[in-house]
Amino acid sequence: MDETLKRYRESIDNIDAALVFMLAERFKVTQAVGEYKATHDLPPADPGREERQIARLRQLAADANLDPDFTEKFLRFIIDEVIRHHERLREG
Protein backbone atom coordinates (compact mmCIF):
# COMPACT_ATOMS: atom_id res chain seq x y z
CA MET A 1 0.00 0.00 0.00
CA ASP A 2 1.10 3.52 -0.72
CA GLU A 3 2.72 5.00 2.42
CA THR A 4 0.97 8.35 2.09
CA LEU A 5 -2.42 6.69 1.82
CA LYS A 6 -1.54 4.43 4.75
CA ARG A 7 -0.73 7.47 6.95
CA TYR A 8 -3.97 9.19 5.95
CA ARG A 9 -5.95 6.09 6.80
CA GLU A 10 -4.20 5.72 10.15
CA SER A 11 -5.14 9.32 10.95
CA ILE A 12 -8.75 8.67 9.96
CA ASP A 13 -8.79 5.56 12.18
CA ASN A 14 -7.48 7.60 15.12
CA ILE A 15 -10.05 10.33 14.57
CA ASP A 16 -12.85 7.75 14.33
CA ALA A 17 -11.73 6.22 17.63
CA ALA A 18 -11.69 9.65 19.26
CA LEU A 19 -15.21 10.36 17.94
CA VAL A 20 -16.52 7.11 19.41
CA PHE A 21 -14.98 7.83 22.81
CA MET A 22 -16.29 11.42 22.76
CA LEU A 23 -19.78 10.19 21.93
CA ALA A 24 -19.58 7.62 24.71
CA GLU A 25 -18.59 10.36 27.17
CA ARG A 26 -21.38 12.62 25.93
CA PHE A 27 -23.94 9.85 26.41
CA LYS A 28 -22.67 9.19 29.95
CA VAL A 29 -23.39 12.83 30.80
CA THR A 30 -26.75 12.90 29.04
CA GLN A 31 -27.70 9.70 30.87
CA ALA A 32 -27.05 11.54 34.15
CA VAL A 33 -29.12 14.47 32.88
CA GLY A 34 -31.95 12.07 32.03
CA GLU A 35 -31.85 10.52 35.48
CA TYR A 36 -31.91 13.98 37.05
CA LYS A 37 -34.86 15.03 34.89
CA ALA A 38 -36.74 11.83 35.74
CA THR A 39 -36.26 12.25 39.50
CA HIS A 40 -37.22 15.93 39.36
CA ASP A 41 -40.23 15.40 37.09
CA LEU A 42 -38.75 17.51 34.30
CA PRO A 43 -39.68 16.94 30.64
CA PRO A 44 -37.32 14.74 28.61
CA ALA A 45 -36.94 17.35 25.85
CA ASP A 46 -36.00 21.01 26.03
CA PRO A 47 -36.81 22.45 22.59
CA GLY A 48 -35.43 25.90 23.43
CA ARG A 49 -32.04 24.50 24.45
CA GLU A 50 -32.01 22.20 21.44
CA GLU A 51 -32.55 25.12 19.07
CA ARG A 52 -29.84 27.18 20.79
CA GLN A 53 -27.43 24.24 20.57
CA ILE A 54 -28.18 23.69 16.90
CA ALA A 55 -27.64 27.39 16.13
CA ARG A 56 -24.39 27.40 18.13
CA LEU A 57 -23.06 24.28 16.42
CA ARG A 58 -24.12 25.48 12.98
CA GLN A 59 -22.00 28.59 13.59
CA LEU A 60 -19.07 26.49 14.84
CA ALA A 61 -19.39 24.34 11.72
CA ALA A 62 -19.36 27.38 9.45
CA ASP A 63 -16.31 28.72 11.29
CA ALA A 64 -14.59 25.35 10.76
CA ASN A 65 -15.53 25.20 7.05
CA LEU A 66 -17.84 22.25 7.71
CA ASP A 67 -21.28 22.08 6.15
CA PRO A 68 -23.73 23.48 8.77
CA ASP A 69 -26.57 21.36 7.33
CA PHE A 70 -24.53 18.19 7.85
CA THR A 71 -23.67 19.31 11.37
CA GLU A 72 -27.31 19.98 12.18
CA LYS A 73 -28.37 16.55 10.87
CA PHE A 74 -25.65 14.90 12.94
CA LEU A 75 -26.61 16.81 16.08
CA ARG A 76 -30.33 16.22 15.52
CA PHE A 77 -29.63 12.47 15.33
CA ILE A 78 -27.79 12.62 18.67
CA ILE A 79 -30.44 14.81 20.33
CA ASP A 80 -33.23 12.51 19.19
CA GLU A 81 -31.40 9.52 20.65
CA VAL A 82 -30.84 11.33 23.95
CA ILE A 83 -34.52 12.29 24.18
CA ARG A 84 -35.48 8.67 23.49
CA HIS A 85 -33.25 7.59 26.41
CA HIS A 86 -34.73 10.28 28.66
CA GLU A 87 -38.28 9.21 27.80
CA ARG A 88 -37.40 5.62 28.67
CA LEU A 89 -35.98 6.72 32.04
CA ARG A 90 -39.12 8.71 32.75
CA GLU A 91 -41.33 5.71 32.01
CA GLY A 92 -39.43 3.23 33.98
PDB file of N, CA and C in Angstrom:
ATOM      1  N   MET A   1       0.851  -1.187   0.000  1.00  0.00           N
ATOM      2  CA  MET A   1       0.000   0.000   0.000  1.00  0.00           C
ATOM      3  C   MET A   1       0.890   1.241   0.000  1.00  0.00           C
ATOM      4  N   ASP A   2       0.430   2.233  -0.665  1.00  0.00           N
ATOM      5  CA  ASP A   2       1.105   3.518  -0.720  1.00  0.00           C
ATOM      6  C   ASP A   2       1.256   4.079   0.696  1.00  0.00           C
ATOM      7  N   GLU A   3       2.448   4.515   1.059  1.00  0.00           N
ATOM      8  CA  GLU A   3       2.719   5.005   2.422  1.00  0.00           C
ATOM      9  C   GLU A   3       1.917   6.251   2.775  1.00  0.00           C
ATOM     10  N   THR A   4       1.745   7.136   1.825  1.00  0.00           N
ATOM     11  CA  THR A   4       0.966   8.351   2.094  1.00  0.00           C
ATOM     12  C   THR A   4      -0.478   7.988   2.402  1.00  0.00           C
ATOM     13  N   LEU A   5      -1.047   7.120   1.595  1.00  0.00           N
ATOM     14  CA  LEU A   5      -2.425   6.687   1.821  1.00  0.00           C
ATOM     15  C   LEU A   5      -2.535   5.959   3.155  1.00  0.00           C
ATOM     16  N   LYS A   6      -1.550   5.156   3.472  1.00  0.00           N
ATOM     17  CA  LYS A   6      -1.541   4.433   4.753  1.00  0.00           C
ATOM     18  C   LYS A   6      -1.559   5.414   5.928  1.00  0.00           C
ATOM     19  N   ARG A   7      -0.762   6.468   5.868  1.00  0.00           N
ATOM     20  CA  ARG A   7      -0.732   7.469   6.947  1.00  0.00           C
ATOM     21  C   ARG A   7      -2.068   8.201   7.060  1.00  0.00           C
ATOM     22  N   TYR A   8      -2.658   8.554   5.924  1.00  0.00           N
ATOM     23  CA  TYR A   8      -3.973   9.192   5.947  1.00  0.00           C
ATOM     24  C   TYR A   8      -4.999   8.288   6.622  1.00  0.00           C
ATOM     25  N   ARG A   9      -4.983   7.032   6.233  1.00  0.00           N
ATOM     26  CA  ARG A   9      -5.953   6.085   6.797  1.00  0.00           C
ATOM     27  C   ARG A   9      -5.731   5.865   8.287  1.00  0.00           C
ATOM     28  N   GLU A  10      -4.488   5.844   8.713  1.00  0.00           N
ATOM     29  CA  GLU A  10      -4.205   5.722  10.151  1.00  0.00           C
ATOM     30  C   GLU A  10      -4.743   6.927  10.906  1.00  0.00           C
ATOM     31  N   SER A  11      -4.598   8.109  10.329  1.00  0.00           N
ATOM     32  CA  SER A  11      -5.141   9.321  10.954  1.00  0.00           C
ATOM     33  C   SER A  11      -6.658   9.256  11.032  1.00  0.00           C
ATOM     34  N   ILE A  12      -7.296   8.809   9.956  1.00  0.00           N
ATOM     35  CA  ILE A  12      -8.752   8.666   9.956  1.00  0.00           C
ATOM     36  C   ILE A  12      -9.178   7.677  11.033  1.00  0.00           C
ATOM     37  N   ASP A  13      -8.473   6.562  11.151  1.00  0.00           N
ATOM     38  CA  ASP A  13      -8.794   5.562  12.177  1.00  0.00           C
ATOM     39  C   ASP A  13      -8.681   6.154  13.574  1.00  0.00           C
ATOM     40  N   ASN A  14      -7.652   6.955  13.809  1.00  0.00           N
ATOM     41  CA  ASN A  14      -7.476   7.597  15.116  1.00  0.00           C
ATOM     42  C   ASN A  14      -8.599   8.595  15.399  1.00  0.00           C
ATOM     43  N   ILE A  15      -8.964   9.356  14.406  1.00  0.00           N
ATOM     44  CA  ILE A  15     -10.054  10.330  14.566  1.00  0.00           C
ATOM     45  C   ILE A  15     -11.365   9.606  14.839  1.00  0.00           C
ATOM     46  N   ASP A  16     -11.635   8.528  14.094  1.00  0.00           N
ATOM     47  CA  ASP A  16     -12.852   7.751  14.326  1.00  0.00           C
ATOM     48  C   ASP A  16     -12.902   7.217  15.753  1.00  0.00           C
ATOM     49  N   ALA A  17     -11.777   6.722  16.251  1.00  0.00           N
ATOM     50  CA  ALA A  17     -11.728   6.218  17.628  1.00  0.00           C
ATOM     51  C   ALA A  17     -12.027   7.344  18.610  1.00  0.00           C
ATOM     52  N   ALA A  18     -11.442   8.511  18.382  1.00  0.00           N
ATOM     53  CA  ALA A  18     -11.688   9.654  19.261  1.00  0.00           C
ATOM     54  C   ALA A  18     -13.166  10.050  19.230  1.00  0.00           C
ATOM     55  N   LEU A  19     -13.784  10.029  18.053  1.00  0.00           N
ATOM     56  CA  LEU A  19     -15.206  10.359  17.944  1.00  0.00           C
ATOM     57  C   LEU A  19     -16.058   9.383  18.749  1.00  0.00           C
ATOM     58  N   VAL A  20     -15.750   8.106  18.666  1.00  0.00           N
ATOM     59  CA  VAL A  20     -16.517   7.108  19.406  1.00  0.00           C
ATOM     60  C   VAL A  20     -16.389   7.346  20.904  1.00  0.00           C
ATOM     61  N   PHE A  21     -15.172   7.597  21.378  1.00  0.00           N
ATOM     62  CA  PHE A  21     -14.979   7.831  22.813  1.00  0.00           C
ATOM     63  C   PHE A  21     -15.643   9.128  23.263  1.00  0.00           C
ATOM     64  N   MET A  22     -15.617  10.156  22.426  1.00  0.00           N
ATOM     65  CA  MET A  22     -16.285  11.417  22.763  1.00  0.00           C
ATOM     66  C   MET A  22     -17.798  11.217  22.823  1.00  0.00           C
ATOM     67  N   LEU A  23     -18.353  10.466  21.883  1.00  0.00           N
ATOM     68  CA  LEU A  23     -19.784  10.191  21.926  1.00  0.00           C
ATOM     69  C   LEU A  23     -20.150   9.385  23.162  1.00  0.00           C
ATOM     70  N   ALA A  24     -19.310   8.416  23.508  1.00  0.00           N
ATOM     71  CA  ALA A  24     -19.577   7.619  24.712  1.00  0.00           C
ATOM     72  C   ALA A  24     -19.584   8.520  25.943  1.00  0.00           C
ATOM     73  N   GLU A  25     -18.649   9.437  26.031  1.00  0.00           N
ATOM     74  CA  GLU A  25     -18.594  10.356  27.172  1.00  0.00           C
ATOM     75  C   GLU A  25     -19.811  11.268  27.188  1.00  0.00           C
ATOM     76  N   ARG A  26     -20.198  11.751  26.021  1.00  0.00           N
ATOM     77  CA  ARG A  26     -21.378  12.621  25.929  1.00  0.00           C
ATOM     78  C   ARG A  26     -22.618  11.876  26.410  1.00  0.00           C
ATOM     79  N   PHE A  27     -22.762  10.616  26.003  1.00  0.00           N
ATOM     80  CA  PHE A  27     -23.938   9.851  26.406  1.00  0.00           C
ATOM     81  C   PHE A  27     -23.913   9.510  27.893  1.00  0.00           C
ATOM     82  N   LYS A  28     -22.737   9.382  28.489  1.00  0.00           N
ATOM     83  CA  LYS A  28     -22.674   9.194  29.948  1.00  0.00           C
ATOM     84  C   LYS A  28     -23.258  10.416  30.655  1.00  0.00           C
ATOM     85  N   VAL A  29     -22.897  11.589  30.180  1.00  0.00           N
ATOM     86  CA  VAL A  29     -23.387  12.827  30.798  1.00  0.00           C
ATOM     87  C   VAL A  29     -24.883  12.994  30.535  1.00  0.00           C
ATOM     88  N   THR A  30     -25.325  12.733  29.314  1.00  0.00           N
ATOM     89  CA  THR A  30     -26.752  12.898  29.035  1.00  0.00           C
ATOM     90  C   THR A  30     -27.584  11.856  29.774  1.00  0.00           C
ATOM     91  N   GLN A  31     -27.002  10.697  30.055  1.00  0.00           N
ATOM     92  CA  GLN A  31     -27.699   9.705  30.870  1.00  0.00           C
ATOM     93  C   GLN A  31     -27.926  10.266  32.275  1.00  0.00           C
ATOM     94  N   ALA A  32     -26.910  10.913  32.827  1.00  0.00           N
ATOM     95  CA  ALA A  32     -27.048  11.540  34.148  1.00  0.00           C
ATOM     96  C   ALA A  32     -28.096  12.651  34.113  1.00  0.00           C
ATOM     97  N   VAL A  33     -28.110  13.422  33.035  1.00  0.00           N
ATOM     98  CA  VAL A  33     -29.122  14.470  32.879  1.00  0.00           C
ATOM     99  C   VAL A  33     -30.510  13.837  32.851  1.00  0.00           C
ATOM    100  N   GLY A  34     -30.660  12.751  32.111  1.00  0.00           N
ATOM    101  CA  GLY A  34     -31.946  12.072  32.025  1.00  0.00           C
ATOM    102  C   GLY A  34     -32.415  11.557  33.371  1.00  0.00           C
ATOM    103  N   GLU A  35     -31.499  10.999  34.141  1.00  0.00           N
ATOM    104  CA  GLU A  35     -31.850  10.518  35.479  1.00  0.00           C
ATOM    105  C   GLU A  35     -32.272  11.685  36.368  1.00  0.00           C
ATOM    106  N   TYR A  36     -31.559  12.791  36.277  1.00  0.00           N
ATOM    107  CA  TYR A  36     -31.905  13.982  37.052  1.00  0.00           C
ATOM    108  C   TYR A  36     -33.301  14.481  36.668  1.00  0.00           C
ATOM    109  N   LYS A  37     -33.548  14.570  35.356  1.00  0.00           N
ATOM    110  CA  LYS A  37     -34.857  15.027  34.893  1.00  0.00           C
ATOM    111  C   LYS A  37     -35.973  14.099  35.374  1.00  0.00           C
ATOM    112  N   ALA A  38     -35.720  12.792  35.323  1.00  0.00           N
ATOM    113  CA  ALA A  38     -36.741  11.830  35.740  1.00  0.00           C
ATOM    114  C   ALA A  38     -37.050  11.960  37.221  1.00  0.00           C
ATOM    115  N   THR A  39     -36.029  12.155  38.057  1.00  0.00           N
ATOM    116  CA  THR A  39     -36.264  12.247  39.498  1.00  0.00           C
ATOM    117  C   THR A  39     -36.843  13.589  39.918  1.00  0.00           C
ATOM    118  N   HIS A  40     -36.693  14.601  39.052  1.00  0.00           N
ATOM    119  CA  HIS A  40     -37.225  15.933  39.362  1.00  0.00           C
ATOM    120  C   HIS A  40     -38.451  16.277  38.521  1.00  0.00           C
ATOM    121  N   ASP A  41     -39.012  15.255  37.888  1.00  0.00           N
ATOM    122  CA  ASP A  41     -40.228  15.400  37.091  1.00  0.00           C
ATOM    123  C   ASP A  41     -40.110  16.513  36.048  1.00  0.00           C
ATOM    124  N   LEU A  42     -38.978  16.545  35.372  1.00  0.00           N
ATOM    125  CA  LEU A  42     -38.749  17.512  34.298  1.00  0.00           C
ATOM    126  C   LEU A  42     -38.991  16.824  32.954  1.00  0.00           C
ATOM    127  N   PRO A  43     -39.413  17.562  31.947  1.00  0.00           N
ATOM    128  CA  PRO A  43     -39.682  16.941  30.642  1.00  0.00           C
ATOM    129  C   PRO A  43     -38.394  16.410  30.002  1.00  0.00           C
ATOM    130  N   PRO A  44     -38.506  15.326  29.237  1.00  0.00           N
ATOM    131  CA  PRO A  44     -37.318  14.742  28.611  1.00  0.00           C
ATOM    132  C   PRO A  44     -36.677  15.654  27.567  1.00  0.00           C
ATOM    133  N   ALA A  45     -37.465  16.480  26.904  1.00  0.00           N
ATOM    134  CA  ALA A  45     -36.940  17.355  25.850  1.00  0.00           C
ATOM    135  C   ALA A  45     -36.975  18.806  26.309  1.00  0.00           C
ATOM    136  N   ASP A  46     -36.055  19.577  25.768  1.00  0.00           N
ATOM    137  CA  ASP A  46     -36.004  21.015  26.028  1.00  0.00           C
ATOM    138  C   ASP A  46     -35.814  21.700  24.671  1.00  0.00           C
ATOM    139  N   PRO A  47     -36.916  21.918  23.951  1.00  0.00           N
ATOM    140  CA  PRO A  47     -36.813  22.450  22.585  1.00  0.00           C
ATOM    141  C   PRO A  47     -36.036  23.764  22.487  1.00  0.00           C
ATOM    142  N   GLY A  48     -36.169  24.635  23.470  1.00  0.00           N
ATOM    143  CA  GLY A  48     -35.430  25.898  23.433  1.00  0.00           C
ATOM    144  C   GLY A  48     -33.926  25.674  23.471  1.00  0.00           C
ATOM    145  N   ARG A  49     -33.483  24.811  24.376  1.00  0.00           N
ATOM    146  CA  ARG A  49     -32.045  24.498  24.451  1.00  0.00           C
ATOM    147  C   ARG A  49     -31.587  23.811  23.183  1.00  0.00           C
ATOM    148  N   GLU A  50     -32.390  22.900  22.659  1.00  0.00           N
ATOM    149  CA  GLU A  50     -32.012  22.195  21.437  1.00  0.00           C
ATOM    150  C   GLU A  50     -31.786  23.181  20.295  1.00  0.00           C
ATOM    151  N   GLU A  51     -32.694  24.134  20.144  1.00  0.00           N
ATOM    152  CA  GLU A  51     -32.551  25.116  19.068  1.00  0.00           C
ATOM    153  C   GLU A  51     -31.313  25.988  19.268  1.00  0.00           C
ATOM    154  N   ARG A  52     -31.047  26.376  20.520  1.00  0.00           N
ATOM    155  CA  ARG A  52     -29.837  27.176  20.791  1.00  0.00           C
ATOM    156  C   ARG A  52     -28.582  26.371  20.476  1.00  0.00           C
ATOM    157  N   GLN A  53     -28.585  25.099  20.838  1.00  0.00           N
ATOM    158  CA  GLN A  53     -27.432  24.236  20.569  1.00  0.00           C
ATOM    159  C   GLN A  53     -27.217  24.074  19.067  1.00  0.00           C
ATOM    160  N   ILE A  54     -28.299  23.862  18.345  1.00  0.00           N
ATOM    161  CA  ILE A  54     -28.182  23.693  16.897  1.00  0.00           C
ATOM    162  C   ILE A  54     -27.631  24.970  16.265  1.00  0.00           C
ATOM    163  N   ALA A  55     -28.141  26.121  16.670  1.00  0.00           N
ATOM    164  CA  ALA A  55     -27.640  27.393  16.125  1.00  0.00           C
ATOM    165  C   ALA A  55     -26.159  27.575  16.458  1.00  0.00           C
ATOM    166  N   ARG A  56     -25.802  27.266  17.702  1.00  0.00           N
ATOM    167  CA  ARG A  56     -24.394  27.401  18.129  1.00  0.00           C
ATOM    168  C   ARG A  56     -23.487  26.488  17.314  1.00  0.00           C
ATOM    169  N   LEU A  57     -23.902  25.226  17.142  1.00  0.00           N
ATOM    170  CA  LEU A  57     -23.059  24.278  16.423  1.00  0.00           C
ATOM    171  C   LEU A  57     -23.055  24.535  14.920  1.00  0.00           C
ATOM    172  N   ARG A  58     -24.136  25.082  14.389  1.00  0.00           N
ATOM    173  CA  ARG A  58     -24.117  25.484  12.978  1.00  0.00           C
ATOM    174  C   ARG A  58     -23.073  26.586  12.767  1.00  0.00           C
ATOM    175  N   GLN A  59     -23.000  27.521  13.712  1.00  0.00           N
ATOM    176  CA  GLN A  59     -22.000  28.591  13.595  1.00  0.00           C
ATOM    177  C   GLN A  59     -20.588  28.034  13.732  1.00  0.00           C
ATOM    178  N   LEU A  60     -20.385  27.130  14.688  1.00  0.00           N
ATOM    179  CA  LEU A  60     -19.073  26.490  14.836  1.00  0.00           C
ATOM    180  C   LEU A  60     -18.688  25.748  13.559  1.00  0.00           C
ATOM    181  N   ALA A  61     -19.652  25.059  12.962  1.00  0.00           N
ATOM    182  CA  ALA A  61     -19.385  24.340  11.720  1.00  0.00           C
ATOM    183  C   ALA A  61     -18.962  25.306  10.619  1.00  0.00           C
ATOM    184  N   ALA A  62     -19.703  26.391  10.482  1.00  0.00           N
ATOM    185  CA  ALA A  62     -19.362  27.376   9.453  1.00  0.00           C
ATOM    186  C   ALA A  62     -17.956  27.930   9.693  1.00  0.00           C
ATOM    187  N   ASP A  63     -17.641  28.215  10.950  1.00  0.00           N
ATOM    188  CA  ASP A  63     -16.305  28.723  11.285  1.00  0.00           C
ATOM    189  C   ASP A  63     -15.210  27.711  10.955  1.00  0.00           C
ATOM    190  N   ALA A  64     -15.553  26.416  11.022  1.00  0.00           N
ATOM    191  CA  ALA A  64     -14.590  25.351  10.758  1.00  0.00           C
ATOM    192  C   ALA A  64     -14.627  24.874   9.306  1.00  0.00           C
ATOM    193  N   ASN A  65     -15.378  25.590   8.454  1.00  0.00           N
ATOM    194  CA  ASN A  65     -15.535  25.198   7.048  1.00  0.00           C
ATOM    195  C   ASN A  65     -16.140  23.807   6.894  1.00  0.00           C
ATOM    196  N   LEU A  66     -17.086  23.493   7.772  1.00  0.00           N
ATOM    197  CA  LEU A  66     -17.838  22.246   7.709  1.00  0.00           C
ATOM    198  C   LEU A  66     -19.278  22.609   7.373  1.00  0.00           C
ATOM    199  N   ASP A  67     -19.914  21.813   6.588  1.00  0.00           N
ATOM    200  CA  ASP A  67     -21.280  22.081   6.155  1.00  0.00           C
ATOM    201  C   ASP A  67     -22.224  22.164   7.363  1.00  0.00           C
ATOM    202  N   PRO A  68     -22.811  23.339   7.634  1.00  0.00           N
ATOM    203  CA  PRO A  68     -23.725  23.476   8.775  1.00  0.00           C
ATOM    204  C   PRO A  68     -24.941  22.555   8.687  1.00  0.00           C
ATOM    205  N   ASP A  69     -25.425  22.263   7.470  1.00  0.00           N
ATOM    206  CA  ASP A  69     -26.567  21.358   7.329  1.00  0.00           C
ATOM    207  C   ASP A  69     -26.193  19.947   7.788  1.00  0.00           C
ATOM    208  N   PHE A  70     -25.007  19.498   7.403  1.00  0.00           N
ATOM    209  CA  PHE A  70     -24.532  18.191   7.850  1.00  0.00           C
ATOM    210  C   PHE A  70     -24.415  18.176   9.373  1.00  0.00           C
ATOM    211  N   THR A  71     -23.853  19.227   9.928  1.00  0.00           N
ATOM    212  CA  THR A  71     -23.669  19.312  11.368  1.00  0.00           C
ATOM    213  C   THR A  71     -25.009  19.271  12.090  1.00  0.00           C
ATOM    214  N   GLU A  72     -25.983  19.989  11.563  1.00  0.00           N
ATOM    215  CA  GLU A  72     -27.313  19.980  12.180  1.00  0.00           C
ATOM    216  C   GLU A  72     -27.938  18.590  12.118  1.00  0.00           C
ATOM    217  N   LYS A  73     -27.827  17.910  10.991  1.00  0.00           N
ATOM    218  CA  LYS A  73     -28.368  16.552  10.871  1.00  0.00           C
ATOM    219  C   LYS A  73     -27.708  15.616  11.878  1.00  0.00           C
ATOM    220  N   PHE A  74     -26.402  15.731  12.007  1.00  0.00           N
ATOM    221  CA  PHE A  74     -25.653  14.896  12.944  1.00  0.00           C
ATOM    222  C   PHE A  74     -26.100  15.176  14.377  1.00  0.00           C
ATOM    223  N   LEU A  75     -26.192  16.451  14.729  1.00  0.00           N
ATOM    224  CA  LEU A  75     -26.609  16.814  16.080  1.00  0.00           C
ATOM    225  C   LEU A  75     -28.056  16.415  16.333  1.00  0.00           C
ATOM    226  N   ARG A  76     -28.923  16.593  15.354  1.00  0.00           N
ATOM    227  CA  ARG A  76     -30.328  16.216  15.524  1.00  0.00           C
ATOM    228  C   ARG A  76     -30.444  14.715  15.797  1.00  0.00           C
ATOM    229  N   PHE A  77     -29.640  13.917  15.104  1.00  0.00           N
ATOM    230  CA  PHE A  77     -29.630  12.474  15.327  1.00  0.00           C
ATOM    231  C   PHE A  77     -29.250  12.170  16.787  1.00  0.00           C
ATOM    232  N   ILE A  78     -28.239  12.843  17.286  1.00  0.00           N
ATOM    233  CA  ILE A  78     -27.788  12.624  18.668  1.00  0.00           C
ATOM    234  C   ILE A  78     -28.856  13.089  19.652  1.00  0.00           C
ATOM    235  N   ILE A  79     -29.408  14.275  19.432  1.00  0.00           N
ATOM    236  CA  ILE A  79     -30.441  14.814  20.325  1.00  0.00           C
ATOM    237  C   ILE A  79     -31.648  13.881  20.374  1.00  0.00           C
ATOM    238  N   ASP A  80     -32.075  13.409  19.223  1.00  0.00           N
ATOM    239  CA  ASP A  80     -33.231  12.509  19.187  1.00  0.00           C
ATOM    240  C   ASP A  80     -32.961  11.231  19.979  1.00  0.00           C
ATOM    241  N   GLU A  81     -31.759  10.720  19.894  1.00  0.00           N
ATOM    242  CA  GLU A  81     -31.398   9.517  20.648  1.00  0.00           C
ATOM    243  C   GLU A  81     -31.385   9.810  22.151  1.00  0.00           C
ATOM    244  N   VAL A  82     -30.862  10.946  22.539  1.00  0.00           N
ATOM    245  CA  VAL A  82     -30.837  11.335  23.953  1.00  0.00           C
ATOM    246  C   VAL A  82     -32.265  11.463  24.489  1.00  0.00           C
ATOM    247  N   ILE A  83     -33.131  12.115  23.743  1.00  0.00           N
ATOM    248  CA  ILE A  83     -34.524  12.287  24.177  1.00  0.00           C
ATOM    249  C   ILE A  83     -35.196  10.918  24.334  1.00  0.00           C
ATOM    250  N   ARG A  84     -34.920  10.019  23.394  1.00  0.00           N
ATOM    251  CA  ARG A  84     -35.476   8.672  23.491  1.00  0.00           C
ATOM    252  C   ARG A  84     -35.026   7.997  24.785  1.00  0.00           C
ATOM    253  N   HIS A  85     -33.765   8.148  25.140  1.00  0.00           N
ATOM    254  CA  HIS A  85     -33.251   7.591  26.410  1.00  0.00           C
ATOM    255  C   HIS A  85     -33.938   8.249  27.602  1.00  0.00           C
ATOM    256  N   HIS A  86     -34.102   9.555  27.551  1.00  0.00           N
ATOM    257  CA  HIS A  86     -34.735  10.278  28.657  1.00  0.00           C
ATOM    258  C   HIS A  86     -36.192   9.854  28.827  1.00  0.00           C
ATOM    259  N   GLU A  87     -36.879   9.652  27.724  1.00  0.00           N
ATOM    260  CA  GLU A  87     -38.282   9.205  27.803  1.00  0.00           C
ATOM    261  C   GLU A  87     -38.353   7.825  28.428  1.00  0.00           C
ATOM    262  N   ARG A  88     -37.421   6.967  28.094  1.00  0.00           N
ATOM    263  CA  ARG A  88     -37.395   5.623  28.668  1.00  0.00           C
ATOM    264  C   ARG A  88     -37.155   5.684  30.178  1.00  0.00           C
ATOM    265  N   LEU A  89     -36.251   6.558  30.608  1.00  0.00           N
ATOM    266  CA  LEU A  89     -35.978   6.719  32.042  1.00  0.00           C
ATOM    267  C   LEU A  89     -37.214   7.216  32.769  1.00  0.00           C
ATOM    268  N   ARG A  90     -37.922   8.123  32.150  1.00  0.00           N
ATOM    269  CA  ARG A  90     -39.118   8.711  32.755  1.00  0.00           C
ATOM    270  C   ARG A  90     -40.222   7.668  32.922  1.00  0.00           C
ATOM    271  N   GLU A  91     -40.300   6.745  31.964  1.00  0.00           N
ATOM    272  CA  GLU A  91     -41.334   5.707  32.012  1.00  0.00           C
ATOM    273  C   GLU A  91     -41.021   4.625  33.030  1.00  0.00           C
ATOM    274  N   GLY A  92     -39.741   4.411  33.230  1.00  0.00           N
ATOM    275  CA  GLY A  92     -39.428   3.235  33.975  1.00  0.00           C
ATOM    276  C   GLY A  92     -38.835   3.295  35.278  1.00  0.00           C
TER     277      GLY A  92
END
